[in-house]
Protein backbone atom coordinates (compact mmCIF):
# COMPACT_ATOMS: atom_id res chain seq x y z
CA MET A 1 14.79 -32.82 9.53
CA LEU A 2 12.66 -35.94 9.84
CA SER A 3 10.51 -34.55 12.66
CA GLU A 4 10.06 -31.27 10.73
CA SER A 5 8.97 -33.29 7.71
CA MET A 6 6.38 -35.13 9.80
CA LYS A 7 5.02 -31.85 11.21
CA TYR A 8 4.78 -30.24 7.79
CA SER A 9 1.49 -31.75 6.57
CA GLY A 10 -0.37 -30.98 9.81
CA ILE A 11 0.96 -27.44 9.86
CA GLN A 12 0.05 -27.05 6.20
CA ILE A 13 -3.59 -28.07 6.77
CA ALA A 14 -3.81 -25.82 9.84
CA TYR A 15 -2.46 -22.88 7.84
CA PHE A 16 -4.96 -23.55 5.03
CA LEU A 17 -7.88 -23.68 7.45
CA TRP A 18 -6.74 -20.67 9.46
CA GLY A 19 -6.11 -18.67 6.27
CA TYR A 20 -9.55 -19.55 4.94
CA TYR A 21 -11.17 -18.61 8.27
CA MET A 22 -9.33 -15.28 8.48
CA LEU A 23 -10.08 -14.44 4.85
CA GLN A 24 -13.80 -15.13 5.34
CA LEU A 25 -13.84 -13.10 8.56
CA MET A 26 -12.14 -10.12 6.90
CA LEU A 27 -14.45 -10.24 3.88
CA PHE A 28 -17.46 -10.35 6.21
CA LEU A 29 -16.17 -7.39 8.22
CA VAL A 30 -15.40 -5.34 5.11
CA ALA A 31 -18.87 -6.07 3.70
CA MET A 32 -20.57 -5.15 6.99
CA VAL A 33 -18.62 -1.92 7.43
CA THR A 34 -19.23 -0.94 3.81
CA SER A 35 -22.94 -1.64 3.99
CA TYR A 36 -23.53 -0.08 7.40
CA PHE A 37 -21.39 3.02 7.02
CA LEU A 38 -21.84 3.76 3.31
CA VAL A 39 -24.75 1.98 1.63
CA LEU A 40 -27.40 2.23 4.34
CA PRO A 41 -26.83 5.97 5.04
CA LEU A 42 -26.97 6.70 1.30
CA LEU A 43 -30.28 4.82 1.06
CA GLY A 44 -31.60 6.76 4.04
CA LEU A 45 -32.14 3.70 6.23
CA VAL A 46 -29.60 4.79 8.85
CA SER A 47 -28.86 8.27 10.20
CA SER A 48 -26.60 10.40 8.01
CA LEU A 49 -24.34 11.01 11.01
CA TYR A 50 -22.39 7.94 9.92
CA LEU A 51 -21.37 9.79 6.75
CA GLN A 52 -20.02 12.79 8.71
CA PRO A 53 -16.45 11.38 9.00
CA LEU A 54 -16.48 10.69 5.25
CA TRP A 55 -17.52 14.26 4.44
CA THR A 56 -14.90 15.55 6.88
CA LEU A 57 -12.05 13.50 5.40
CA LEU A 58 -13.04 13.81 1.74
CA PRO A 59 -11.66 17.36 1.17
CA THR A 60 -8.38 16.41 2.84
CA VAL A 61 -7.96 13.34 0.66
CA VAL A 62 -8.89 15.24 -2.51
CA LEU A 63 -6.48 18.09 -1.68
CA SER A 64 -3.73 15.59 -0.87
CA LEU A 65 -4.16 13.75 -4.18
CA LEU A 66 -4.38 17.02 -6.08
CA LEU A 67 -1.16 18.34 -4.50
CA ASN A 68 0.57 15.05 -5.22
CA TYR A 69 -0.34 15.19 -8.93
CA VAL A 70 0.53 18.90 -9.15
CA GLN A 71 3.94 18.11 -7.66
CA ILE A 72 4.52 15.40 -10.29
CA ILE A 73 3.39 17.61 -13.20
CA VAL A 74 5.44 20.65 -12.08
CA SER A 75 8.53 18.53 -11.60
CA ARG A 76 8.15 17.06 -15.09
CA LYS A 77 7.28 20.25 -16.96
CA ALA A 78 9.04 23.09 -15.12
CA LEU A 79 11.96 21.63 -13.23
CA LEU A 80 13.58 19.11 -15.56
CA GLN A 81 15.57 19.89 -18.67
CA ASP A 82 14.36 18.44 -21.92
CA HIS A 83 17.42 16.31 -22.63
CA ARG A 84 17.20 12.78 -23.88
CA TYR A 85 19.85 10.10 -24.01
CA LYS A 86 20.07 6.55 -25.32
CA HIS A 87 20.61 3.57 -23.07
CA ARG A 88 23.71 1.59 -23.97
CA ARG A 89 22.12 -1.84 -23.51
CA ARG A 90 18.49 -1.28 -24.44
CA GLY A 91 18.92 1.27 -27.20
CA GLU A 92 15.82 3.24 -26.18
CA SER A 93 15.87 6.91 -25.31
CA ALA A 94 14.96 8.24 -21.87
CA LYS A 95 14.66 11.67 -20.29
CA ALA A 96 17.76 12.75 -18.38
CA LEU A 97 17.47 13.70 -14.73
CA ALA A 98 18.88 17.23 -14.96
CA LEU A 99 17.47 20.27 -13.16
CA ASN A 100 16.46 23.28 -15.19
CA ASN A 101 15.48 25.73 -12.44
CA ARG A 102 17.41 25.07 -9.27
CA ARG A 103 15.91 28.03 -7.38
CA VAL A 104 12.36 27.02 -8.25
CA TYR A 105 13.19 23.48 -7.20
CA HIS A 106 14.46 24.63 -3.80
CA ASN A 107 11.42 26.86 -3.23
CA PHE A 108 9.03 24.15 -4.36
CA SER A 109 10.78 21.61 -2.14
CA TYR A 110 10.72 23.98 0.83
CA PHE A 111 7.00 24.75 0.62
CA LEU A 112 5.98 21.13 0.06
CA PHE A 113 8.19 19.78 2.86
CA PHE A 114 5.43 19.52 5.45
CA PHE A 115 2.97 18.11 2.95
CA ASN A 116 5.51 15.43 2.05
CA ILE A 117 5.87 14.55 5.74
CA LEU A 118 2.12 13.91 5.87
CA LEU A 119 2.34 12.03 2.59
CA GLY A 120 5.10 9.85 4.07
CA PHE A 121 2.98 9.21 7.17
CA TYR A 122 -0.01 8.16 5.04
CA SER A 123 2.30 6.06 2.87
CA CYS A 124 3.58 4.27 5.98
CA LEU A 125 0.02 3.59 7.19
CA LEU A 126 -0.95 2.37 3.72
CA ARG A 127 2.07 0.05 3.65
CA ILE A 128 1.08 -1.40 7.03
CA ALA A 129 -2.52 -1.88 5.87
CA LYS A 130 -1.37 -3.56 2.65
CA SER A 131 0.97 -5.87 4.54
CA ILE A 132 -1.81 -6.83 6.97
CA LEU A 133 -4.22 -7.48 4.09
CA LEU A 134 -1.70 -9.47 2.06
CA GLY A 135 -0.60 -11.33 5.19
CA LEU A 136 -4.20 -12.39 5.78
CA VAL A 137 -4.80 -13.34 2.16
CA PHE A 138 -1.56 -15.27 1.76
CA LEU A 139 -1.62 -16.89 5.20
CA ALA A 140 -2.60 -20.24 3.73
CA ARG A 141 0.31 -20.24 1.28
CA ILE A 142 3.09 -22.43 2.57
CA ASP A 143 5.55 -21.67 -0.24
CA ARG A 144 5.85 -18.02 0.92
CA SER A 145 6.78 -17.08 4.43
CA GLY A 146 4.72 -14.44 6.17
CA LEU A 147 7.84 -13.14 7.86
CA MET A 148 10.49 -10.97 6.31
CA GLN A 149 13.88 -12.13 5.06
CA GLY A 150 16.10 -13.29 7.89
CA TYR A 151 13.23 -14.25 10.19
CA GLN A 152 11.76 -16.99 8.02
CA HIS A 153 13.15 -19.71 10.29
CA TRP A 154 10.58 -18.62 12.92
CA ASP A 155 7.74 -19.67 10.57
CA PHE A 156 6.86 -23.33 11.18
CA GLY A 157 5.01 -23.49 7.87
CA ASN A 158 8.05 -22.51 5.85
CA VAL A 159 10.41 -25.47 5.76
CA ILE A 160 13.65 -24.62 3.97
CA ILE A 161 15.41 -27.76 2.78
């Protein structure tokens, strides 16, 4: 415990410096990518071929978001019954989760199955990207471990007393 206590301040300063360095590097890279692949082609200073992947992916993203919102609206308006109940503790009313059209629900679920697989894949990639970004931003924080629960003892910066 004593040797860990002596290491703590050096590790803390190293984590602060490394976190600051990584944050500055990521901000620089994001600014460069944004300016080179979006701003400069829109200004006409760089070939518009850099915007080709954006124009290719844009309809897919728009259709994906549109289908996601349509799925939410249809499930609220057409599939659920309009029953309300009161919470025992809070006293406020909420909509009950009771199906109105079971056949429509099964058909809707069947036809959106493959779309939901893609949505889950994109959700997984987005979760990984968020965890990488938050890991870089919060690297300098010693009070929170960068590792998940159960593996925090591997983090030298996180001393649990």
